[in-house]
């Protein structure tokens, strides 16, 4: 069973991203806030790390990820 976690970049009442990592295969699951665990995207740990680096480096993103 996956343990879904709400992104720390989300504010109260906002549409958010939920993330779960599977220990068995190491893949990262990414889902919208509507129904985490139902429809989700599966990416490799390397792809997820690259995505996070890109988001953190984006112009206008403050510490903690908020614009």
C-alpha atoms as a PDB file:
ATOM      1  CA  UNK A   1       0.000   0.000   0.000  1.00  0.00           C
ATOM      2  CA  UNK A   2       1.261   3.469  -0.902  1.00  0.00           C
ATOM      3  CA  UNK A   3       1.453   6.296   1.591  1.00  0.00           C
ATOM      4  CA  UNK A   4       0.464   9.534  -0.159  1.00  0.00           C
ATOM      5  CA  UNK A   5       1.910  12.850   1.042  1.00  0.00           C
ATOM      6  CA  UNK A   6       0.645  16.323   0.170  1.00  0.00           C
ATOM      7  CA  UNK A   7       3.283  18.553  -1.370  1.00  0.00           C
ATOM      8  CA  UNK A   8       4.876  21.026   1.019  1.00  0.00           C
ATOM      9  CA  UNK A   9       4.516  23.620  -1.749  1.00  0.00           C
ATOM     10  CA  UNK A  10       0.713  23.672  -1.376  1.00  0.00           C
ATOM     11  CA  UNK A  11      -1.171  26.252   0.592  1.00  0.00           C
ATOM     12  CA  UNK A  12      -4.428  25.837   2.453  1.00  0.00           C
ATOM     13  CA  UNK A  13      -7.382  25.235   0.148  1.00  0.00           C
ATOM     14  CA  UNK A  14      -5.301  25.093  -3.031  1.00  0.00           C
ATOM     15  CA  UNK A  15      -5.290  22.330  -5.611  1.00  0.00           C
ATOM     16  CA  UNK A  16      -2.195  20.336  -4.732  1.00  0.00           C
ATOM     17  CA  UNK A  17       0.044  17.533  -5.819  1.00  0.00           C
ATOM     18  CA  UNK A  18       0.310  14.331  -3.793  1.00  0.00           C
ATOM     19  CA  UNK A  19       3.394  12.129  -3.971  1.00  0.00           C
ATOM     20  CA  UNK A  20       4.061   8.524  -2.974  1.00  0.00           C
ATOM     21  CA  UNK A  21       7.226   6.476  -3.354  1.00  0.00           C
ATOM     22  CA  UNK A  22       7.104   2.703  -3.574  1.00  0.00           C
ATOM     23  CA  UNK A  23       9.891   0.992  -1.680  1.00  0.00           C
ATOM     24  CA  UNK A  24       9.595  -2.104  -3.842  1.00  0.00           C
ATOM     25  CA  UNK A  25      10.473  -0.501  -7.187  1.00  0.00           C
ATOM     26  CA  UNK A  26      11.580   2.977  -6.098  1.00  0.00           C
ATOM     27  CA  UNK A  27       9.218   4.627  -8.568  1.00  0.00           C
ATOM     28  CA  UNK A  28       7.573   7.882  -7.554  1.00  0.00           C
ATOM     29  CA  UNK A  29       3.822   8.276  -8.012  1.00  0.00           C
ATOM     30  CA  UNK A  30       2.393  11.758  -8.572  1.00  0.00           C
ATOM     31  CA  UNK A  31      -1.328  12.564  -8.384  1.00  0.00           C
ATOM     32  CA  UNK A  32      -3.610  15.581  -8.242  1.00  0.00           C
ATOM     33  CA  UNK A  33      -5.422  16.516  -5.079  1.00  0.00           C
ATOM     34  CA  UNK A  34      -8.824  15.309  -6.308  1.00  0.00           C
ATOM     35  CA  UNK A  35      -8.184  11.607  -5.811  1.00  0.00           C
ATOM     36  CA  UNK A  36      -4.622  10.642  -4.911  1.00  0.00           C
ATOM     37  CA  UNK A  37      -4.101   6.961  -5.424  1.00  0.00           C
ATOM     38  CA  UNK A  38      -6.534   6.599  -8.302  1.00  0.00           C
ATOM     39  CA  UNK A  39      -5.137   8.102 -11.500  1.00  0.00           C
ATOM     40  CA  UNK A  40      -1.481   8.936 -11.132  1.00  0.00           C
ATOM     41  CA  UNK A  41       1.746   9.397 -13.054  1.00  0.00           C
ATOM     42  CA  UNK A  42       4.671   7.064 -12.361  1.00  0.00           C
ATOM     43  CA  UNK A  43       8.201   8.440 -12.782  1.00  0.00           C
ATOM     44  CA  UNK A  44      11.685   7.230 -11.933  1.00  0.00           C
ATOM     45  CA  UNK A  45      13.453   8.623  -8.869  1.00  0.00           C
ATOM     46  CA  UNK A  46      15.970  10.335 -11.196  1.00  0.00           C
ATOM     47  CA  UNK A  47      13.191  12.019 -13.185  1.00  0.00           C
ATOM     48  CA  UNK A  48      11.481  13.190  -9.983  1.00  0.00           C
ATOM     49  CA  UNK A  49      14.751  14.632  -8.647  1.00  0.00           C
ATOM     50  CA  UNK A  50      15.357  16.458 -11.925  1.00  0.00           C
ATOM     51  CA  UNK A  51      11.822  17.872 -11.811  1.00  0.00           C
ATOM     52  CA  UNK A  52      12.292  19.130  -8.246  1.00  0.00           C
ATOM     53  CA  UNK A  53      15.621  20.767  -9.148  1.00  0.00           C
ATOM     54  CA  UNK A  54      13.972  22.545 -12.088  1.00  0.00           C
ATOM     55  CA  UNK A  55      11.066  23.794  -9.970  1.00  0.00           C
ATOM     56  CA  UNK A  56      13.365  25.082  -7.237  1.00  0.00           C
ATOM     57  CA  UNK A  57      15.538  26.863  -9.826  1.00  0.00           C
ATOM     58  CA  UNK A  58      12.582  28.510 -11.608  1.00  0.00           C
ATOM     59  CA  UNK A  59      12.586  32.324 -11.576  1.00  0.00           C
ATOM     60  CA  UNK A  60      10.243  33.756  -8.976  1.00  0.00           C
ATOM     61  CA  UNK A  61      10.152  30.697  -6.737  1.00  0.00           C
ATOM     62  CA  UNK A  62      10.974  31.684  -3.171  1.00  0.00           C
ATOM     63  CA  UNK A  63      12.409  29.454  -0.478  1.00  0.00           C
ATOM     64  CA  UNK A  64       9.785  26.813   0.269  1.00  0.00           C
ATOM     65  CA  UNK A  65       8.602  26.810  -3.339  1.00  0.00           C
ATOM     66  CA  UNK A  66       5.985  29.568  -3.165  1.00  0.00           C
ATOM     67  CA  UNK A  67       5.903  32.312  -5.797  1.00  0.00           C
END
